[in-house]
């Protein structure tokens, strides 16, 4: 994990750090070759351009794969709050890590070339 990501994670409580680490590991598994940076004040996976961002919020972890990805996964994302380019995974529910990996794979294939 990059020092920038470690610094970002350090600002949160232990439970949030655990959840952020789960998100990080799921995305990193799909795109180990992507660079890590902070963009728009969020951890971001980058390969020639931003591929996917994530961020800890008060009541959820936000995943920011872009509008096309949210549209492509609209049916699978129906249990979650979404908006143009954003997905909210509530802090009081288990993270859908398999779905997150599917979304990250889609983002890599469509945006990480």
C-alpha atoms as a PDB file:
ATOM      1  CA  UNK A   1       0.000   0.000   0.000  1.00  0.00           C
ATOM      2  CA  UNK A   2       1.298   3.447  -0.885  1.00  0.00           C
ATOM      3  CA  UNK A   3       2.250   5.892   1.876  1.00  0.00           C
ATOM      4  CA  UNK A   4      -0.482   8.217   0.580  1.00  0.00           C
ATOM      5  CA  UNK A   5      -3.134   5.531   1.091  1.00  0.00           C
ATOM      6  CA  UNK A   6      -1.730   4.644   4.529  1.00  0.00           C
ATOM      7  CA  UNK A   7      -1.905   8.305   5.513  1.00  0.00           C
ATOM      8  CA  UNK A   8      -5.511   8.535   4.289  1.00  0.00           C
ATOM      9  CA  UNK A   9      -6.531   5.396   6.234  1.00  0.00           C
ATOM     10  CA  UNK A  10      -4.823   6.649   9.419  1.00  0.00           C
ATOM     11  CA  UNK A  11      -7.384   9.442   9.775  1.00  0.00           C
ATOM     12  CA  UNK A  12     -10.161   6.941  10.589  1.00  0.00           C
ATOM     13  CA  UNK A  13     -11.176   4.698  13.484  1.00  0.00           C
ATOM     14  CA  UNK A  14     -10.210   1.030  13.537  1.00  0.00           C
ATOM     15  CA  UNK A  15     -13.490  -0.270  12.096  1.00  0.00           C
ATOM     16  CA  UNK A  16     -13.311   2.180   9.198  1.00  0.00           C
ATOM     17  CA  UNK A  17      -9.677   1.236   8.579  1.00  0.00           C
ATOM     18  CA  UNK A  18     -10.675  -2.446   8.407  1.00  0.00           C
ATOM     19  CA  UNK A  19     -13.408  -1.698   5.871  1.00  0.00           C
ATOM     20  CA  UNK A  20     -11.149   0.556   3.810  1.00  0.00           C
ATOM     21  CA  UNK A  21      -8.520  -2.188   3.791  1.00  0.00           C
ATOM     22  CA  UNK A  22     -11.087  -4.717   2.540  1.00  0.00           C
ATOM     23  CA  UNK A  23     -12.026  -2.349  -0.294  1.00  0.00           C
ATOM     24  CA  UNK A  24      -8.370  -1.669  -1.056  1.00  0.00           C
ATOM     25  CA  UNK A  25      -7.503  -5.391  -1.138  1.00  0.00           C
ATOM     26  CA  UNK A  26     -10.460  -6.237  -3.394  1.00  0.00           C
ATOM     27  CA  UNK A  27      -9.511  -3.571  -5.937  1.00  0.00           C
ATOM     28  CA  UNK A  28      -5.774  -4.272  -5.702  1.00  0.00           C
ATOM     29  CA  UNK A  29      -6.425  -7.972  -6.392  1.00  0.00           C
ATOM     30  CA  UNK A  30      -8.071  -7.038  -9.694  1.00  0.00           C
ATOM     31  CA  UNK A  31      -5.558  -4.394 -10.739  1.00  0.00           C
ATOM     32  CA  UNK A  32      -2.179  -5.048  -9.108  1.00  0.00           C
ATOM     33  CA  UNK A  33      -0.425  -3.120 -11.876  1.00  0.00           C
ATOM     34  CA  UNK A  34      -2.325   0.135 -11.250  1.00  0.00           C
ATOM     35  CA  UNK A  35      -0.611   3.025  -9.531  1.00  0.00           C
ATOM     36  CA  UNK A  36      -1.968   4.397  -6.279  1.00  0.00           C
ATOM     37  CA  UNK A  37      -2.478   8.090  -5.683  1.00  0.00           C
ATOM     38  CA  UNK A  38      -4.745  10.536  -3.930  1.00  0.00           C
ATOM     39  CA  UNK A  39      -6.991  12.319  -6.407  1.00  0.00           C
ATOM     40  CA  UNK A  40      -9.963  14.517  -5.481  1.00  0.00           C
ATOM     41  CA  UNK A  41      -8.849  13.853  -1.853  1.00  0.00           C
ATOM     42  CA  UNK A  42      -9.630  10.125  -2.269  1.00  0.00           C
ATOM     43  CA  UNK A  43      -7.561   6.959  -2.695  1.00  0.00           C
ATOM     44  CA  UNK A  44      -7.441   6.342  -6.440  1.00  0.00           C
ATOM     45  CA  UNK A  45      -6.206   3.546  -8.659  1.00  0.00           C
ATOM     46  CA  UNK A  46      -4.612   4.997 -11.783  1.00  0.00           C
ATOM     47  CA  UNK A  47      -3.323   3.543 -15.041  1.00  0.00           C
ATOM     48  CA  UNK A  48      -2.840   6.279 -17.603  1.00  0.00           C
ATOM     49  CA  UNK A  49      -5.924   7.907 -16.089  1.00  0.00           C
ATOM     50  CA  UNK A  50      -8.048   7.539 -12.973  1.00  0.00           C
ATOM     51  CA  UNK A  51      -9.743   4.125 -12.950  1.00  0.00           C
ATOM     52  CA  UNK A  52     -11.623   4.003  -9.644  1.00  0.00           C
ATOM     53  CA  UNK A  53     -11.740   6.025  -6.407  1.00  0.00           C
ATOM     54  CA  UNK A  54     -13.027   5.160  -2.950  1.00  0.00           C
ATOM     55  CA  UNK A  55     -13.553   7.137   0.235  1.00  0.00           C
ATOM     56  CA  UNK A  56     -14.767   6.711   3.786  1.00  0.00           C
ATOM     57  CA  UNK A  57     -17.776   8.841   4.637  1.00  0.00           C
ATOM     58  CA  UNK A  58     -19.687   9.185   7.881  1.00  0.00           C
ATOM     59  CA  UNK A  59     -22.284   6.473   7.118  1.00  0.00           C
ATOM     60  CA  UNK A  60     -20.840   4.665   4.103  1.00  0.00           C
ATOM     61  CA  UNK A  61     -17.858   3.913   1.924  1.00  0.00           C
ATOM     62  CA  UNK A  62     -18.213   5.644  -1.404  1.00  0.00           C
ATOM     63  CA  UNK A  63     -16.997   3.891  -4.522  1.00  0.00           C
ATOM     64  CA  UNK A  64     -16.525   6.119  -7.557  1.00  0.00           C
ATOM     65  CA  UNK A  65     -16.167   4.041 -10.725  1.00  0.00           C
ATOM     66  CA  UNK A  66     -17.851   6.546 -13.053  1.00  0.00           C
ATOM     67  CA  UNK A  67     -21.305   6.802 -14.549  1.00  0.00           C
ATOM     68  CA  UNK A  68     -20.862   4.120 -17.193  1.00  0.00           C
ATOM     69  CA  UNK A  69     -19.867   1.521 -14.608  1.00  0.00           C
ATOM     70  CA  UNK A  70     -22.772   2.412 -12.327  1.00  0.00           C
ATOM     71  CA  UNK A  71     -25.092   2.044 -15.319  1.00  0.00           C
ATOM     72  CA  UNK A  72     -23.551  -1.273 -16.369  1.00  0.00           C
ATOM     73  CA  UNK A  73     -24.137  -2.707 -12.881  1.00  0.00           C
ATOM     74  CA  UNK A  74     -27.469  -0.988 -12.167  1.00  0.00           C
ATOM     75  CA  UNK A  75     -29.349  -4.233 -11.527  1.00  0.00           C
ATOM     76  CA  UNK A  76     -26.728  -5.656  -9.160  1.00  0.00           C
ATOM     77  CA  UNK A  77     -26.454  -2.272  -7.417  1.00  0.00           C
ATOM     78  CA  UNK A  78     -30.200  -1.971  -6.797  1.00  0.00           C
ATOM     79  CA  UNK A  79     -29.843  -2.693  -3.028  1.00  0.00           C
ATOM     80  CA  UNK A  80     -27.459   0.279  -2.693  1.00  0.00           C
ATOM     81  CA  UNK A  81     -27.803   4.009  -3.021  1.00  0.00           C
ATOM     82  CA  UNK A  82     -26.211   5.208  -6.249  1.00  0.00           C
ATOM     83  CA  UNK A  83     -25.900   8.449  -8.157  1.00  0.00           C
ATOM     84  CA  UNK A  84     -24.138   9.419 -11.335  1.00  0.00           C
ATOM     85  CA  UNK A  85     -20.760   7.744 -10.980  1.00  0.00           C
ATOM     86  CA  UNK A  86     -21.048   6.888  -7.273  1.00  0.00           C
ATOM     87  CA  UNK A  87     -22.052   3.928  -5.123  1.00  0.00           C
ATOM     88  CA  UNK A  88     -22.660   3.949  -1.363  1.00  0.00           C
ATOM     89  CA  UNK A  89     -21.916   0.827   0.672  1.00  0.00           C
ATOM     90  CA  UNK A  90     -23.389   1.449   4.164  1.00  0.00           C
ATOM     91  CA  UNK A  91     -21.023   1.088   7.097  1.00  0.00           C
ATOM     92  CA  UNK A  92     -23.566  -1.031   8.992  1.00  0.00           C
ATOM     93  CA  UNK A  93     -23.773  -3.733   6.286  1.00  0.00           C
ATOM     94  CA  UNK A  94     -21.225  -6.261   5.000  1.00  0.00           C
ATOM     95  CA  UNK A  95     -19.233  -5.088   2.002  1.00  0.00           C
ATOM     96  CA  UNK A  96     -20.166  -6.822  -1.286  1.00  0.00           C
ATOM     97  CA  UNK A  97     -16.538  -7.606  -2.135  1.00  0.00           C
ATOM     98  CA  UNK A  98     -17.300  -9.930  -5.051  1.00  0.00           C
ATOM     99  CA  UNK A  99     -19.450  -7.242  -6.646  1.00  0.00           C
ATOM    100  CA  UNK A 100     -16.742  -4.670  -5.987  1.00  0.00           C
ATOM    101  CA  UNK A 101     -14.215  -6.904  -7.773  1.00  0.00           C
ATOM    102  CA  UNK A 102     -16.589  -7.232 -10.744  1.00  0.00           C
ATOM    103  CA  UNK A 103     -16.947  -3.456 -10.920  1.00  0.00           C
ATOM    104  CA  UNK A 104     -13.186  -2.930 -10.597  1.00  0.00           C
ATOM    105  CA  UNK A 105     -12.566  -5.480 -13.369  1.00  0.00           C
ATOM    106  CA  UNK A 106     -15.065  -3.673 -15.607  1.00  0.00           C
ATOM    107  CA  UNK A 107     -13.391  -0.325 -14.842  1.00  0.00           C
ATOM    108  CA  UNK A 108      -9.946  -1.716 -15.652  1.00  0.00           C
ATOM    109  CA  UNK A 109     -11.165  -3.171 -18.948  1.00  0.00           C
ATOM    110  CA  UNK A 110     -12.932   0.038 -19.976  1.00  0.00           C
ATOM    111  CA  UNK A 111     -10.738   2.747 -18.479  1.00  0.00           C
ATOM    112  CA  UNK A 112      -7.325   1.276 -17.729  1.00  0.00           C
ATOM    113  CA  UNK A 113      -6.007   0.661 -21.239  1.00  0.00           C
END
